[in-house]
Amino acid sequence: MRSASVPATEEQELMTKVGIVSLGCPKNLVDSEQMLGALAQAGCEIVSDKREAEVILINTCGFIESAKEESLDTILEMIRLKGAGACKSVIVAGCLAQRYADELSREIPEVDAFVGVGQIAALPGIVQLTLDGHRVVDNSRPARQWVEFEARIRATPPWTAYLKISDGCDNRCSYCAIPEIRGLFRSRPSDRIVAEAEILAAEGVKEIVLVGQDLTRYGSDTHESLVSLLRRLARVEGPTWIRLMYCYPTRISDDLIEVIASEPKIAKYIDVPLQHADDDVLRRMNRLGSSDEYLALLRRIRAACPDMALRTSMIVGFPGETLEEFERLVDFVREARFDRMGVFEYSREEGTPAADIAPRIGAATKRRRRDRLMREQQRVSLEMNKGFIGREIDVLAERNDRGRSYRDAPDVDGVVLLNGFKGAPGEMVRARVTDATEYDLVANVIDEV
């Protein structure tokens, strides 16, 4: 649905102050950074204080119920600023707008525009339309091919950057609405990825985090491959770590394991969201692989690189999950010994196949199972962390009292609590581990790297 056509904005400067609220995952953050870049190119002034903004842009998440609630709360909060300060226009973009634009436009008339995930290039024109008194509602499907946006204003610390290598998803997990929101999987051309990595390196970025809905599918639509891309990225001068997030377990090949293990710049870290480990639950989830195959994969990874940090995520309370199926998941986590793990309670998403699976698991049961699984993981994580006591590690310092090791992805993993650091944030230091907790390490700085 489109309530107003979007005008061309070449050679037109908006000269307006824009503030942005970015919600959701790192992939969404990259979209927000590109939105900022497009608006800045059109002449907008980007402001951090939303009370000063004439236009407030909210890049929403619509993945699970808690994310939708956060997005709605933020929209209502920003509407309260409209009229109370400088704000003249509130624009809601991203996944929630893509999924529910028509419904939201009826229920929240105070919002001036609802635009989906494929509208980054059109944003300057949309801003102008709203300032001219028009209302825009556009959740057109994303393009089937990759669309490149070169403008970007990073919102991460100077030493860390996310680099999106693909978008969309073809996996069709039964619980997930991402294919309907983000569209079909599409790979970004490798030359574009390497060129952006070189720009980030020239800006002083020390950690590049590769993101996409499924990194291991990269190149399946373009006859390229993740392995060849990683070898090219490893030749880029500057960054210390190239980190991989979101790898589908059955697509992690021996070649991929080898390149991660052998290339010094590729962080010995891999995020493998398994989602469950009971074979019957995996089938209901429409997930490929089995518990035995997953354990075999972890053994292959650790044989190639004993210090590989392994992260996963699990879903508890999936429809029909019996106590026996849950206990098999607990046993698996105990045996698999992940360095890091996130646990999520199943969120029923309308329009997905799992939404109609019975019986549903009650909220209290899901909460108990989540807590139980996290307690099990905490025991494992503490043992894994204690194994680092006495060892020397490289730490990317982010404050004078803490930083992250190769085992710690930004915002989702633990930290290294530093003693004796006198340098500036963004420096890489050598430290000796002296203590450990369930999530964090404690270390004394030895020297700068």
Foldseek 3Di string as FASTA:
>chain_A
DWQDDFDDQPPAAPAFEEEEAFDDDQVSLQLVQLLVQLNVVSHYHYDHDLLRGQEYEYAADDKFDVRVVVSVVVQVVSLVSDVVHNHQAYEYEEQVLLVQVVVVCVVPVSHQEREYSACSNRVVRSVVCVVVPHGTRYNDAHDPEDDDRPGGDHPDPLQEDEQEFKEADDLQFQQTCRCVRTNHIYGDDLVVRLVVLLVSQVSQHAEYEYDYQAQLCHCVVPVDGSLVSLVSSLPRPGHQEYEYEHHEQVSCDLSNLQSCLPRRRYQLEYEYAPQFACAVVCVNRSHDDHNVSNLVSLVSSCVSPVPRAYEYEYEPQQAPCDPVRLVVRLVSCLVSLHLYYHYYYRGHDPPGNSNPGDDGDDPVVSVVSRVVSVVSLLVSNQVVQVVQAFPKFKFQAQDQFWTDGSNDDPPRAAIEGEDPRDDDHRFIFIWHWHHDGSTYTYTYTDGTD
